[in-house]
Amino acid sequence: MKILDIPQSGKLGLVVSMGGRYGQVRRALVIPTNPRTDAQENVRVNFTRSAKNWRALTEAQRLAWHASAANVQSASRLGQSGPLTGSQHYLQVNAINATFGAAPVEVPPKPAVFDELVVTGLVVTNNAGVIKVALTCPEDPAENTVIRAAKPQSAGRSKTNDYRIVGMCPMPAQGAADITALYTAKFGAPEPGTKVFVRVNQFVDGQESLPRTFSAIVPAAA
């Protein structure tokens, strides 16, 4: 429920506080289910492996990560953020590398320089019941352009935060990159009247650019 209180976040006894869309929210503590999906297990394995590798670094290598981390800020929480520790920075970079199949690194990367994101929109068509999901992409998106998507949502939704990686952006043809196979492999074919959300960004040296989000409603069959 919504409450009037100072900004707060986290667990206290049997309640959890958080910032909501319209103010401070408090709810009863509920232990979440643990479906142990392949994606969840892969993330856990990657973090466990990276934590073990951190301990195997030389002291000089760890000091280099600490120095690099001083210039990397944590995500903002309650309007506050701060520099990462060396181990946090190491885990962050190598977890991202593992997610996209890149090799782990022992030396902190230089700040990434990202190309201009060439994806400019999302178009969903329905030709006699055959639904196609495509990104407007007039140029080669480069091999490091990542696509995340959410399961089909109500058309009334203006945003969602439940994104999953579906793959890398394919080469475009005639100004469009067809991601139908990527999307349906993850979520199935979206029904007419639902809204498709897609988020696109770039991955370079264990670092990700800020994402750009697109959405489109699945039309009725033409």
Protein backbone atom coordinates (compact mmCIF):
# COMPACT_ATOMS: atom_id res chain seq x y z
CA MET A 1 0.00 0.00 0.00
CA LYS A 2 1.05 3.61 -0.48
CA ILE A 3 2.36 5.30 2.68
CA LEU A 4 3.54 8.72 3.80
CA ASP A 5 7.07 8.31 5.09
CA ILE A 6 10.68 9.17 4.35
CA PRO A 7 12.15 7.55 1.20
CA GLN A 8 13.25 4.02 2.06
CA SER A 9 14.00 0.74 0.34
CA GLY A 10 14.53 -2.81 1.61
CA LYS A 11 13.30 -5.35 4.14
CA LEU A 12 12.43 -4.60 7.76
CA GLY A 13 11.00 -7.53 9.69
CA LEU A 14 7.99 -8.82 7.78
CA VAL A 15 7.51 -5.80 5.48
CA VAL A 16 9.33 -4.48 2.41
CA SER A 17 9.55 -0.80 1.47
CA MET A 18 10.20 0.57 -1.98
CA GLY A 19 9.65 3.58 -4.16
CA GLY A 20 6.52 3.24 -6.30
CA ARG A 21 5.31 5.11 -9.33
CA TYR A 22 3.19 7.45 -7.18
CA GLY A 23 5.25 7.53 -3.97
CA GLN A 24 6.50 5.40 -1.13
CA VAL A 25 5.06 1.85 -1.00
CA ARG A 26 5.12 -0.82 1.71
CA ARG A 27 3.97 -4.43 1.35
CA ALA A 28 4.14 -7.71 3.24
CA LEU A 29 7.32 -9.74 2.79
CA VAL A 30 6.76 -12.64 0.38
CA ILE A 31 9.47 -15.18 -0.40
CA PRO A 32 9.59 -15.34 -4.22
CA THR A 33 9.33 -18.60 -6.06
CA ASN A 34 12.50 -20.06 -7.53
CA PRO A 35 11.64 -21.71 -10.85
CA ARG A 36 15.33 -22.43 -11.55
CA THR A 37 15.08 -21.67 -15.24
CA ASP A 38 18.08 -22.23 -17.47
CA ALA A 39 18.59 -18.46 -17.68
CA GLN A 40 18.59 -18.12 -13.88
CA GLU A 41 21.00 -20.99 -13.42
CA ASN A 42 23.36 -19.61 -16.08
CA VAL A 43 23.49 -16.23 -14.32
CA ARG A 44 24.23 -17.90 -10.98
CA VAL A 45 26.95 -20.04 -12.51
CA ASN A 46 28.52 -16.99 -14.17
CA PHE A 47 28.60 -15.00 -10.93
CA THR A 48 29.98 -17.94 -8.97
CA ARG A 49 32.73 -18.51 -11.54
CA SER A 50 33.60 -14.79 -11.65
CA ALA A 51 33.79 -14.59 -7.84
CA LYS A 52 36.17 -17.56 -7.81
CA ASN A 53 38.29 -16.02 -10.57
CA TRP A 54 38.50 -12.72 -8.62
CA ARG A 55 40.18 -14.52 -5.74
CA ALA A 56 42.68 -16.06 -8.18
CA LEU A 57 43.89 -12.68 -9.49
CA THR A 58 47.21 -11.26 -8.39
CA GLU A 59 47.19 -8.40 -5.90
CA ALA A 60 48.42 -6.05 -8.62
CA GLN A 61 45.48 -7.04 -10.83
CA ARG A 62 42.99 -6.49 -8.02
CA LEU A 63 44.48 -3.05 -7.31
CA ALA A 64 44.01 -2.16 -10.99
CA TRP A 65 40.33 -3.11 -10.76
CA HIS A 66 39.93 -1.02 -7.58
CA ALA A 67 41.46 1.99 -9.35
CA SER A 68 39.23 1.53 -12.40
CA ALA A 69 36.10 1.04 -10.25
CA ALA A 70 36.58 4.45 -8.65
CA ASN A 71 35.29 5.94 -11.92
CA VAL A 72 32.26 3.63 -12.24
CA GLN A 73 29.09 4.62 -10.40
CA SER A 74 26.52 2.20 -9.02
CA ALA A 75 22.89 2.39 -10.12
CA SER A 76 21.00 5.14 -8.32
CA ARG A 77 18.86 4.05 -5.36
CA LEU A 78 16.78 6.53 -3.38
CA GLY A 79 18.58 9.24 -5.29
CA GLN A 80 22.01 8.05 -4.15
CA SER A 81 24.86 6.21 -5.84
CA GLY A 82 28.57 5.73 -5.35
CA PRO A 83 31.66 4.19 -6.94
CA LEU A 84 31.85 0.42 -7.23
CA THR A 85 34.44 -1.65 -5.43
CA GLY A 86 37.05 -3.45 -7.50
CA SER A 87 35.36 -6.81 -7.03
CA GLN A 88 31.95 -5.38 -7.99
CA HIS A 89 33.43 -3.87 -11.14
CA TYR A 90 35.16 -7.15 -12.01
CA LEU A 91 31.96 -9.15 -11.49
CA GLN A 92 29.93 -6.62 -13.50
CA VAL A 93 32.24 -6.70 -16.52
CA ASN A 94 32.75 -10.45 -16.57
CA ALA A 95 29.10 -11.28 -15.93
CA ILE A 96 28.19 -9.19 -18.98
CA ASN A 97 30.93 -10.88 -21.00
CA ALA A 98 29.65 -14.31 -19.96
CA THR A 99 26.08 -13.36 -20.88
CA PHE A 100 27.11 -12.62 -24.46
CA GLY A 101 29.63 -15.43 -24.83
CA ALA A 102 32.76 -13.29 -24.58
CA ALA A 103 35.88 -14.50 -22.76
CA PRO A 104 36.53 -13.31 -19.19
CA VAL A 105 39.11 -10.55 -18.71
CA GLU A 106 41.67 -10.03 -15.97
CA VAL A 107 42.49 -6.41 -16.85
CA PRO A 108 39.84 -3.69 -16.45
CA PRO A 109 38.66 -2.42 -19.84
CA LYS A 110 38.91 1.18 -20.93
CA PRO A 111 35.60 3.09 -20.98
CA ALA A 112 33.71 1.82 -24.02
CA VAL A 113 33.06 3.97 -27.05
CA PHE A 114 29.73 3.00 -28.59
CA ASP A 115 28.71 3.47 -32.20
CA GLU A 116 25.57 5.40 -32.96
CA LEU A 117 22.57 3.11 -32.57
CA VAL A 118 21.06 2.74 -36.03
CA VAL A 119 17.81 1.06 -34.91
CA THR A 120 15.09 3.73 -35.01
CA GLY A 121 11.76 1.94 -34.55
CA LEU A 122 9.64 -1.19 -34.27
CA VAL A 123 7.00 -2.34 -36.76
CA VAL A 124 4.60 -5.26 -36.21
CA THR A 125 2.47 -6.48 -39.13
CA ASN A 126 -0.26 -9.10 -39.48
CA ASN A 127 -0.65 -10.39 -43.01
CA ALA A 128 -3.55 -12.88 -43.09
CA GLY A 129 -2.65 -14.10 -39.60
CA VAL A 130 1.10 -14.23 -40.20
CA ILE A 131 2.63 -11.85 -37.69
CA LYS A 132 6.00 -10.24 -38.38
CA VAL A 133 8.08 -8.31 -35.86
CA ALA A 134 10.80 -6.10 -37.36
CA LEU A 135 13.10 -3.29 -36.30
CA THR A 136 13.46 -0.24 -38.49
CA CYS A 137 17.16 -0.41 -39.28
CA PRO A 138 18.41 1.40 -42.40
CA GLU A 139 22.08 0.43 -41.84
CA ASP A 140 24.22 -2.43 -40.58
CA PRO A 141 23.55 -2.51 -36.80
CA ALA A 142 26.99 -3.99 -36.02
CA GLU A 143 27.43 -7.39 -34.43
CA ASN A 144 27.34 -6.03 -30.86
CA THR A 145 23.75 -4.71 -30.96
CA VAL A 146 21.70 -6.55 -28.33
CA ILE A 147 17.94 -7.09 -28.43
CA ARG A 148 15.83 -7.57 -25.31
CA ALA A 149 12.07 -8.00 -25.38
CA ALA A 150 9.14 -8.54 -23.04
CA LYS A 151 6.30 -11.01 -23.35
CA PRO A 152 3.20 -9.57 -25.07
CA GLN A 153 1.54 -6.94 -22.90
CA SER A 154 -1.87 -5.29 -22.72
CA ALA A 155 -2.25 -2.58 -25.35
CA GLY A 156 -2.95 -0.13 -22.52
CA ARG A 157 0.53 -0.52 -21.04
CA SER A 158 2.91 2.36 -21.66
CA LYS A 159 6.01 0.58 -20.32
CA THR A 160 7.33 -2.64 -18.81
CA ASN A 161 10.47 -3.63 -16.94
CA ASP A 162 10.39 -7.39 -17.54
CA TYR A 163 12.83 -7.70 -20.43
CA ARG A 164 14.70 -10.81 -21.54
CA ILE A 165 17.60 -11.14 -23.97
CA VAL A 166 16.33 -12.62 -27.24
CA GLY A 167 19.49 -12.31 -29.32
CA MET A 168 21.69 -10.03 -31.40
CA CYS A 169 20.26 -7.78 -34.08
CA PRO A 170 20.29 -9.52 -37.49
CA MET A 171 21.38 -7.83 -40.69
CA PRO A 172 18.62 -5.68 -42.17
CA ALA A 173 17.03 -6.12 -45.55
CA GLN A 174 15.36 -3.18 -47.26
CA GLY A 175 15.63 -1.08 -44.11
CA ALA A 176 14.19 -3.65 -41.68
CA ALA A 177 15.76 -6.26 -39.40
CA ASP A 178 13.36 -9.18 -39.02
CA ILE A 179 13.34 -10.37 -35.38
CA THR A 180 10.20 -12.51 -35.62
CA ALA A 181 12.05 -15.78 -35.07
CA LEU A 182 13.96 -14.35 -32.10
CA TYR A 183 10.81 -13.01 -30.47
CA THR A 184 8.57 -16.03 -31.04
CA ALA A 185 11.26 -18.47 -29.90
CA LYS A 186 11.18 -16.73 -26.52
CA PHE A 187 7.51 -15.77 -26.11
CA GLY A 188 5.51 -17.35 -28.90
CA ALA A 189 3.53 -15.40 -31.48
CA PRO A 190 1.88 -12.29 -29.99
CA GLU A 191 -1.90 -12.08 -30.28
CA PRO A 192 -3.59 -9.26 -32.23
CA GLY A 193 -4.37 -6.36 -29.93
CA THR A 194 -1.41 -6.96 -27.62
CA LYS A 195 1.60 -4.68 -27.40
CA VAL A 196 5.17 -5.74 -28.15
CA PHE A 197 8.02 -4.04 -26.28
CA VAL A 198 11.62 -4.23 -27.50
CA ARG A 199 14.74 -2.69 -25.99
CA VAL A 200 17.97 -2.26 -27.98
CA ASN A 201 21.49 -1.31 -26.92
CA GLN A 202 25.14 -2.14 -27.59
CA PHE A 203 27.69 -4.33 -25.83
CA VAL A 204 31.42 -3.54 -25.92
CA ASP A 205 34.18 -4.97 -23.66
CA GLY A 206 31.86 -6.02 -20.84
CA GLN A 207 30.00 -2.71 -20.91
CA GLU A 208 26.54 -1.82 -22.20
CA SER A 209 25.22 1.44 -23.60
CA LEU A 210 21.99 3.03 -22.44
CA PRO A 211 19.05 1.23 -24.08
CA ARG A 212 16.49 2.60 -26.47
CA THR A 213 12.96 1.24 -26.08
CA PHE A 214 10.34 0.72 -28.79
CA SER A 215 6.79 -0.62 -28.72
CA ALA A 216 4.06 -1.47 -31.22
CA ILE A 217 0.55 -2.96 -31.05
CA VAL A 218 -0.11 -6.12 -33.05
CA PRO A 219 -2.78 -5.20 -35.63
CA ALA A 220 -5.73 -7.30 -36.70
CA ALA A 221 -5.21 -9.47 -39.76
CA ALA A 222 -5.10 -7.44 -42.96
